[in-house]
Amino acid sequence: MRPKVTLLAIAIISIAFYSCKKDNNTSIAGKWHIVKTAYHNAHDTTINGTSADYYNFGPDNALSIQDHADIYTGKYNQNGTKSVDITIYTVDGHGMGVVTPPSVYTILYQDNNSITLTSPANPFGQEVVYLKR
């Protein structure tokens, strides 16, 4: 009888520890600073972010990005904890607004304060953005 009680106690304690495990932050909402961006194409390039560079995943799915001298606005839609659709609004050479097709970026949580966004592979290469709160 004693081995059954011991096994039962071990099982209960294991379940309690598992269910109390702290989960990673599952929302990307908020402002994230760009640590670096890696571009993988014919010639791999990595560009370090500055203290002014950020992705801001704001209310109502509004997205604003400052990456060095470039400023973008757009929309985002987080798909669970693993991916986010990002649509960027830009202006073409004639002053007309252009909407990029949505890109589904994979989200990898390093910890509660660090994530990596990876763009889908395409003929022009792939982009990996390292962000920190």
N, C-alpha and C. Protein backbone atom coordinates (compact mmCIF):
# COMPACT_ATOMS: atom_id res chain seq x y z
N MET A 1 0.81 -1.20 0.00
CA MET A 1 0.00 0.00 0.00
C MET A 1 0.86 1.26 0.00
N ARG A 2 1.94 1.22 0.75
CA ARG A 2 2.81 2.40 0.87
C ARG A 2 3.39 2.83 -0.49
N PRO A 3 3.84 1.91 -1.38
CA PRO A 3 4.36 2.34 -2.69
C PRO A 3 3.29 3.06 -3.52
N LYS A 4 2.04 2.65 -3.42
CA LYS A 4 0.98 3.32 -4.18
C LYS A 4 0.77 4.74 -3.69
N VAL A 5 0.81 4.94 -2.39
CA VAL A 5 0.64 6.27 -1.83
C VAL A 5 1.81 7.16 -2.23
N THR A 6 3.03 6.61 -2.22
CA THR A 6 4.22 7.36 -2.62
C THR A 6 4.14 7.76 -4.09
N LEU A 7 3.75 6.83 -4.95
CA LEU A 7 3.61 7.14 -6.37
C LEU A 7 2.54 8.20 -6.61
N LEU A 8 1.43 8.10 -5.87
CA LEU A 8 0.37 9.07 -6.00
C LEU A 8 0.86 10.46 -5.55
N ALA A 9 1.59 10.52 -4.46
CA ALA A 9 2.13 11.79 -3.98
C ALA A 9 3.10 12.40 -4.99
N ILE A 10 3.96 11.58 -5.58
CA ILE A 10 4.89 12.06 -6.60
C ILE A 10 4.14 12.60 -7.80
N ALA A 11 3.09 11.91 -8.22
CA ALA A 11 2.30 12.36 -9.36
C ALA A 11 1.63 13.70 -9.07
N ILE A 12 1.07 13.86 -7.88
CA ILE A 12 0.39 15.11 -7.52
C ILE A 12 1.38 16.26 -7.46
N ILE A 13 2.55 16.03 -6.86
CA ILE A 13 3.57 17.08 -6.77
C ILE A 13 4.07 17.45 -8.16
N SER A 14 4.27 16.47 -9.03
CA SER A 14 4.73 16.74 -10.40
C SER A 14 3.72 17.59 -11.16
N ILE A 15 2.45 17.26 -11.03
CA ILE A 15 1.39 18.03 -11.71
C ILE A 15 1.35 19.45 -11.16
N ALA A 16 1.50 19.61 -9.85
CA ALA A 16 1.48 20.94 -9.25
C ALA A 16 2.63 21.79 -9.76
N PHE A 17 3.84 21.23 -9.83
CA PHE A 17 4.98 21.99 -10.34
C PHE A 17 4.80 22.33 -11.81
N TYR A 18 4.28 21.39 -12.58
CA TYR A 18 4.09 21.64 -14.02
C TYR A 18 3.07 22.75 -14.24
N SER A 19 1.96 22.72 -13.50
CA SER A 19 0.91 23.72 -13.71
C SER A 19 1.30 25.08 -13.15
N CYS A 20 2.28 25.15 -12.25
CA CYS A 20 2.75 26.43 -11.72
C CYS A 20 3.90 27.01 -12.53
N LYS A 21 4.34 26.29 -13.54
CA LYS A 21 5.44 26.77 -14.36
C LYS A 21 5.06 28.10 -14.99
N LYS A 22 5.96 29.07 -14.90
CA LYS A 22 5.70 30.39 -15.46
C LYS A 22 5.78 30.33 -16.98
N ASP A 23 4.72 30.73 -17.65
CA ASP A 23 4.69 30.74 -19.11
C ASP A 23 5.37 31.98 -19.64
N ASN A 24 5.88 31.86 -20.86
CA ASN A 24 6.41 33.04 -21.54
C ASN A 24 5.26 33.98 -21.87
N ASN A 25 5.58 35.24 -21.97
CA ASN A 25 4.58 36.22 -22.38
C ASN A 25 4.07 35.81 -23.76
N THR A 26 2.77 35.63 -23.90
CA THR A 26 2.24 35.14 -25.16
C THR A 26 1.70 36.25 -26.05
N SER A 27 1.88 37.48 -25.63
CA SER A 27 1.42 38.61 -26.44
C SER A 27 2.61 39.46 -26.85
N ILE A 28 2.63 39.87 -28.10
CA ILE A 28 3.71 40.74 -28.55
C ILE A 28 3.33 42.21 -28.41
N ALA A 29 2.13 42.48 -27.89
CA ALA A 29 1.68 43.88 -27.75
C ALA A 29 2.70 44.68 -26.95
N GLY A 30 2.91 45.93 -27.38
CA GLY A 30 3.82 46.81 -26.70
C GLY A 30 5.00 47.19 -27.59
N LYS A 31 5.91 47.93 -26.99
CA LYS A 31 7.06 48.44 -27.74
C LYS A 31 8.26 47.52 -27.53
N TRP A 32 8.89 47.15 -28.64
CA TRP A 32 10.07 46.29 -28.64
C TRP A 32 11.19 47.02 -29.36
N HIS A 33 12.37 47.03 -28.77
CA HIS A 33 13.53 47.68 -29.39
C HIS A 33 14.25 46.69 -30.29
N ILE A 34 14.69 47.17 -31.44
CA ILE A 34 15.40 46.31 -32.39
C ILE A 34 16.84 46.14 -31.91
N VAL A 35 17.22 44.90 -31.63
CA VAL A 35 18.60 44.59 -31.25
C VAL A 35 19.44 44.52 -32.52
N LYS A 36 18.95 43.72 -33.48
CA LYS A 36 19.61 43.61 -34.78
C LYS A 36 18.65 42.98 -35.77
N THR A 37 18.95 43.18 -37.04
CA THR A 37 18.18 42.57 -38.12
C THR A 37 19.16 41.85 -39.02
N ALA A 38 18.89 40.58 -39.29
CA ALA A 38 19.74 39.79 -40.18
C ALA A 38 18.98 39.53 -41.47
N TYR A 39 19.62 39.81 -42.57
CA TYR A 39 19.04 39.57 -43.89
C TYR A 39 19.81 38.41 -44.51
N HIS A 40 19.08 37.36 -44.86
CA HIS A 40 19.70 36.18 -45.47
C HIS A 40 19.30 36.14 -46.93
N ASN A 41 20.25 36.46 -47.79
CA ASN A 41 20.04 36.38 -49.24
C ASN A 41 21.38 36.02 -49.87
N ALA A 42 21.64 36.47 -51.05
CA ALA A 42 22.91 36.13 -51.71
C ALA A 42 24.10 36.53 -50.85
N HIS A 43 24.01 37.67 -50.18
CA HIS A 43 25.07 38.12 -49.28
C HIS A 43 24.42 38.40 -47.93
N ASP A 44 24.69 37.54 -46.94
CA ASP A 44 24.11 37.74 -45.62
C ASP A 44 24.59 39.06 -45.02
N THR A 45 23.67 39.80 -44.42
CA THR A 45 23.97 41.09 -43.82
C THR A 45 23.28 41.18 -42.47
N THR A 46 23.98 41.69 -41.48
CA THR A 46 23.38 41.95 -40.17
C THR A 46 23.56 43.42 -39.85
N ILE A 47 22.46 44.06 -39.44
CA ILE A 47 22.48 45.48 -39.09
C ILE A 47 22.03 45.61 -37.64
N ASN A 48 22.86 46.20 -36.81
CA ASN A 48 22.51 46.41 -35.41
C ASN A 48 21.52 47.56 -35.29
N GLY A 49 20.56 47.40 -34.37
CA GLY A 49 19.61 48.46 -34.12
C GLY A 49 20.23 49.56 -33.28
N THR A 50 19.63 50.73 -33.33
CA THR A 50 20.07 51.83 -32.48
C THR A 50 19.08 51.97 -31.33
N SER A 51 19.36 52.85 -30.39
CA SER A 51 18.46 53.04 -29.26
C SER A 51 17.11 53.62 -29.70
N ALA A 52 17.05 54.21 -30.89
CA ALA A 52 15.81 54.81 -31.39
C ALA A 52 14.98 53.84 -32.24
N ASP A 53 15.50 52.65 -32.55
CA ASP A 53 14.81 51.71 -33.44
C ASP A 53 13.84 50.82 -32.66
N TYR A 54 12.65 50.64 -33.19
CA TYR A 54 11.64 49.85 -32.46
C TYR A 54 10.57 49.29 -33.39
N TYR A 55 9.85 48.32 -32.86
CA TYR A 55 8.56 47.85 -33.38
C TYR A 55 7.58 48.14 -32.26
N ASN A 56 6.47 48.82 -32.55
CA ASN A 56 5.46 49.08 -31.55
C ASN A 56 4.16 48.42 -32.01
N PHE A 57 3.82 47.32 -31.34
CA PHE A 57 2.58 46.60 -31.61
C PHE A 57 1.52 47.22 -30.71
N GLY A 58 0.79 48.18 -31.24
CA GLY A 58 -0.11 49.01 -30.45
C GLY A 58 -1.54 48.50 -30.39
N PRO A 59 -2.41 49.33 -29.77
CA PRO A 59 -3.82 48.97 -29.68
C PRO A 59 -4.47 48.92 -31.06
N ASP A 60 -5.56 48.20 -31.13
CA ASP A 60 -6.33 48.05 -32.37
C ASP A 60 -5.47 47.51 -33.51
N ASN A 61 -4.49 46.69 -33.18
CA ASN A 61 -3.62 46.03 -34.16
C ASN A 61 -2.80 47.02 -35.00
N ALA A 62 -2.60 48.24 -34.49
CA ALA A 62 -1.77 49.22 -35.19
C ALA A 62 -0.29 48.88 -34.97
N LEU A 63 0.49 49.02 -36.03
CA LEU A 63 1.91 48.73 -35.96
C LEU A 63 2.69 49.94 -36.43
N SER A 64 3.69 50.34 -35.66
CA SER A 64 4.61 51.37 -36.11
C SER A 64 6.03 50.85 -35.92
N ILE A 65 6.86 51.16 -36.91
CA ILE A 65 8.24 50.68 -36.92
C ILE A 65 9.15 51.85 -37.23
N GLN A 66 10.21 51.98 -36.47
CA GLN A 66 11.29 52.89 -36.83
C GLN A 66 12.55 52.05 -36.91
N ASP A 67 13.13 52.00 -38.09
CA ASP A 67 14.34 51.23 -38.32
C ASP A 67 15.36 52.14 -38.98
N HIS A 68 16.24 52.71 -38.18
CA HIS A 68 17.19 53.72 -38.62
C HIS A 68 16.42 54.92 -39.18
N ALA A 69 16.63 55.30 -40.39
CA ALA A 69 15.94 56.48 -40.95
C ALA A 69 14.56 56.14 -41.49
N ASP A 70 14.22 54.87 -41.56
CA ASP A 70 12.94 54.46 -42.14
C ASP A 70 11.86 54.35 -41.07
N ILE A 71 10.70 54.93 -41.37
CA ILE A 71 9.55 54.87 -40.47
C ILE A 71 8.40 54.25 -41.26
N TYR A 72 7.78 53.24 -40.68
CA TYR A 72 6.68 52.52 -41.34
C TYR A 72 5.48 52.47 -40.40
N THR A 73 4.30 52.39 -40.98
CA THR A 73 3.09 52.09 -40.23
C THR A 73 2.42 50.91 -40.90
N GLY A 74 1.55 50.28 -40.18
CA GLY A 74 0.85 49.14 -40.74
C GLY A 74 -0.10 48.54 -39.73
N LYS A 75 -0.42 47.31 -39.96
CA LYS A 75 -1.31 46.55 -39.09
C LYS A 75 -0.66 45.20 -38.79
N TYR A 76 -1.03 44.63 -37.65
CA TYR A 76 -0.56 43.29 -37.32
C TYR A 76 -1.72 42.49 -36.76
N ASN A 77 -1.63 41.20 -36.87
CA ASN A 77 -2.62 40.30 -36.31
C ASN A 77 -1.87 39.08 -35.79
N GLN A 78 -1.82 38.95 -34.46
CA GLN A 78 -1.10 37.83 -33.87
C GLN A 78 -1.95 36.57 -33.97
N ASN A 79 -1.33 35.50 -34.46
CA ASN A 79 -2.01 34.20 -34.62
C ASN A 79 -1.53 33.28 -33.51
N GLY A 80 -2.17 33.32 -32.37
CA GLY A 80 -1.72 32.50 -31.25
C GLY A 80 -0.36 33.00 -30.77
N THR A 81 0.50 32.06 -30.38
CA THR A 81 1.82 32.43 -29.86
C THR A 81 2.93 32.18 -30.87
N LYS A 82 2.61 31.65 -32.02
CA LYS A 82 3.66 31.20 -32.94
C LYS A 82 3.88 32.09 -34.16
N SER A 83 2.92 32.95 -34.49
CA SER A 83 3.11 33.77 -35.70
C SER A 83 2.30 35.06 -35.64
N VAL A 84 2.70 35.99 -36.51
CA VAL A 84 2.02 37.28 -36.59
C VAL A 84 1.98 37.70 -38.06
N ASP A 85 0.80 38.15 -38.52
CA ASP A 85 0.67 38.71 -39.88
C ASP A 85 1.02 40.19 -39.78
N ILE A 86 1.93 40.63 -40.64
CA ILE A 86 2.33 42.04 -40.65
C ILE A 86 2.07 42.61 -42.05
N THR A 87 1.32 43.71 -42.09
CA THR A 87 1.06 44.45 -43.32
C THR A 87 1.62 45.85 -43.14
N ILE A 88 2.45 46.29 -44.07
CA ILE A 88 3.10 47.60 -43.97
C ILE A 88 2.50 48.54 -45.03
N TYR A 89 2.28 49.80 -44.62
CA TYR A 89 1.83 50.83 -45.55
C TYR A 89 3.05 51.68 -45.92
N THR A 90 3.27 51.87 -47.19
CA THR A 90 4.38 52.70 -47.66
C THR A 90 3.86 53.69 -48.69
N VAL A 91 4.72 54.58 -49.14
CA VAL A 91 4.37 55.55 -50.18
C VAL A 91 5.31 55.32 -51.35
N ASP A 92 4.74 55.21 -52.55
CA ASP A 92 5.59 54.99 -53.72
C ASP A 92 6.19 56.31 -54.20
N GLY A 93 6.96 56.27 -55.26
CA GLY A 93 7.65 57.45 -55.79
C GLY A 93 6.71 58.54 -56.27
N HIS A 94 5.43 58.24 -56.43
CA HIS A 94 4.46 59.23 -56.89
C HIS A 94 3.60 59.76 -55.76
N GLY A 95 3.95 59.42 -54.52
CA GLY A 95 3.19 59.89 -53.37
C GLY A 95 1.92 59.11 -53.12
N MET A 96 1.76 57.98 -53.79
CA MET A 96 0.57 57.15 -53.62
C MET A 96 0.82 56.11 -52.52
N GLY A 97 -0.18 55.86 -51.71
CA GLY A 97 -0.07 54.85 -50.66
C GLY A 97 -0.04 53.45 -51.25
N VAL A 98 0.84 52.63 -50.73
CA VAL A 98 0.98 51.25 -51.18
C VAL A 98 0.90 50.35 -49.96
N VAL A 99 0.16 49.27 -50.09
CA VAL A 99 0.05 48.30 -49.01
C VAL A 99 0.80 47.05 -49.43
N THR A 100 1.74 46.61 -48.60
CA THR A 100 2.45 45.37 -48.91
C THR A 100 1.51 44.20 -48.64
N PRO A 101 1.71 43.10 -49.35
CA PRO A 101 0.92 41.92 -49.00
C PRO A 101 1.29 41.49 -47.58
N PRO A 102 0.34 40.95 -46.83
CA PRO A 102 0.68 40.53 -45.47
C PRO A 102 1.75 39.44 -45.50
N SER A 103 2.70 39.56 -44.61
CA SER A 103 3.72 38.53 -44.43
C SER A 103 3.49 37.88 -43.09
N VAL A 104 3.58 36.58 -43.03
CA VAL A 104 3.40 35.87 -41.78
C VAL A 104 4.79 35.60 -41.19
N TYR A 105 5.10 36.31 -40.12
CA TYR A 105 6.37 36.14 -39.42
C TYR A 105 6.21 35.10 -38.33
N THR A 106 7.19 34.23 -38.21
CA THR A 106 7.22 33.26 -37.12
C THR A 106 7.76 33.96 -35.88
N ILE A 107 7.13 33.71 -34.74
CA ILE A 107 7.57 34.29 -33.46
C ILE A 107 8.29 33.22 -32.67
N LEU A 108 9.49 33.54 -32.20
CA LEU A 108 10.21 32.64 -31.30
C LEU A 108 10.48 33.42 -30.02
N TYR A 109 9.91 32.95 -28.91
CA TYR A 109 10.12 33.62 -27.63
C TYR A 109 11.41 33.12 -27.01
N GLN A 110 12.38 34.02 -26.82
CA GLN A 110 13.62 33.66 -26.14
C GLN A 110 13.37 33.65 -24.63
N ASP A 111 12.67 34.65 -24.15
CA ASP A 111 12.23 34.76 -22.77
C ASP A 111 11.13 35.82 -22.76
N ASN A 112 10.70 36.27 -21.59
CA ASN A 112 9.61 37.24 -21.53
C ASN A 112 9.98 38.60 -22.12
N ASN A 113 11.27 38.85 -22.29
CA ASN A 113 11.69 40.16 -22.77
C ASN A 113 12.41 40.12 -24.10
N SER A 114 12.49 38.97 -24.75
CA SER A 114 13.21 38.86 -26.03
C SER A 114 12.45 37.94 -26.97
N ILE A 115 12.23 38.42 -28.20
CA ILE A 115 11.62 37.58 -29.23
C ILE A 115 12.39 37.74 -30.53
N THR A 116 12.18 36.79 -31.40
CA THR A 116 12.74 36.82 -32.74
C THR A 116 11.59 36.69 -33.72
N LEU A 117 11.53 37.58 -34.72
CA LEU A 117 10.54 37.49 -35.78
C LEU A 117 11.26 37.06 -37.05
N THR A 118 10.79 36.00 -37.69
CA THR A 118 11.41 35.50 -38.91
C THR A 118 10.40 35.57 -40.05
N SER A 119 10.79 36.28 -41.11
CA SER A 119 9.90 36.42 -42.26
C SER A 119 9.86 35.11 -43.05
N PRO A 120 8.84 34.94 -43.87
CA PRO A 120 8.84 33.76 -44.73
C PRO A 120 9.97 33.86 -45.75
N ALA A 121 10.49 32.73 -46.14
CA ALA A 121 11.52 32.72 -47.20
C ALA A 121 10.86 33.18 -48.50
N ASN A 122 11.60 33.98 -49.26
CA ASN A 122 11.09 34.44 -50.55
C ASN A 122 12.27 34.60 -51.50
N PRO A 123 12.03 34.87 -52.79
CA PRO A 123 13.13 34.97 -53.75
C PRO A 123 14.16 36.05 -53.40
N PHE A 124 13.76 37.05 -52.61
CA PHE A 124 14.68 38.12 -52.25
C PHE A 124 15.44 37.84 -50.97
N GLY A 125 15.15 36.72 -50.32
CA GLY A 125 15.84 36.36 -49.09
C GLY A 125 14.89 36.29 -47.92
N GLN A 126 15.47 36.24 -46.74
CA GLN A 126 14.68 36.12 -45.51
C GLN A 126 15.20 37.11 -44.49
N GLU A 127 14.30 37.64 -43.67
CA GLU A 127 14.65 38.65 -42.67
C GLU A 127 14.40 38.07 -41.28
N VAL A 128 15.36 38.24 -40.39
CA VAL A 128 15.20 37.83 -38.99
C VAL A 128 15.43 39.06 -38.13
N VAL A 129 14.40 39.43 -37.34
CA VAL A 129 14.49 40.63 -36.51
C VAL A 129 14.53 40.19 -35.05
N TYR A 130 15.56 40.64 -34.34
CA TYR A 130 15.75 40.32 -32.92
C TYR A 130 15.26 41.52 -32.12
N LEU A 131 14.25 41.30 -31.27
CA LEU A 131 13.62 42.38 -30.51
C LEU A 131 13.75 42.13 -29.01
N LYS A 132 13.83 43.23 -28.26
CA LYS A 132 13.93 43.17 -26.79
C LYS A 132 13.05 44.25 -26.19
N ARG A 133 12.38 43.94 -25.10
CA ARG A 133 11.54 44.94 -24.41
C ARG A 133 12.40 45.97 -23.74
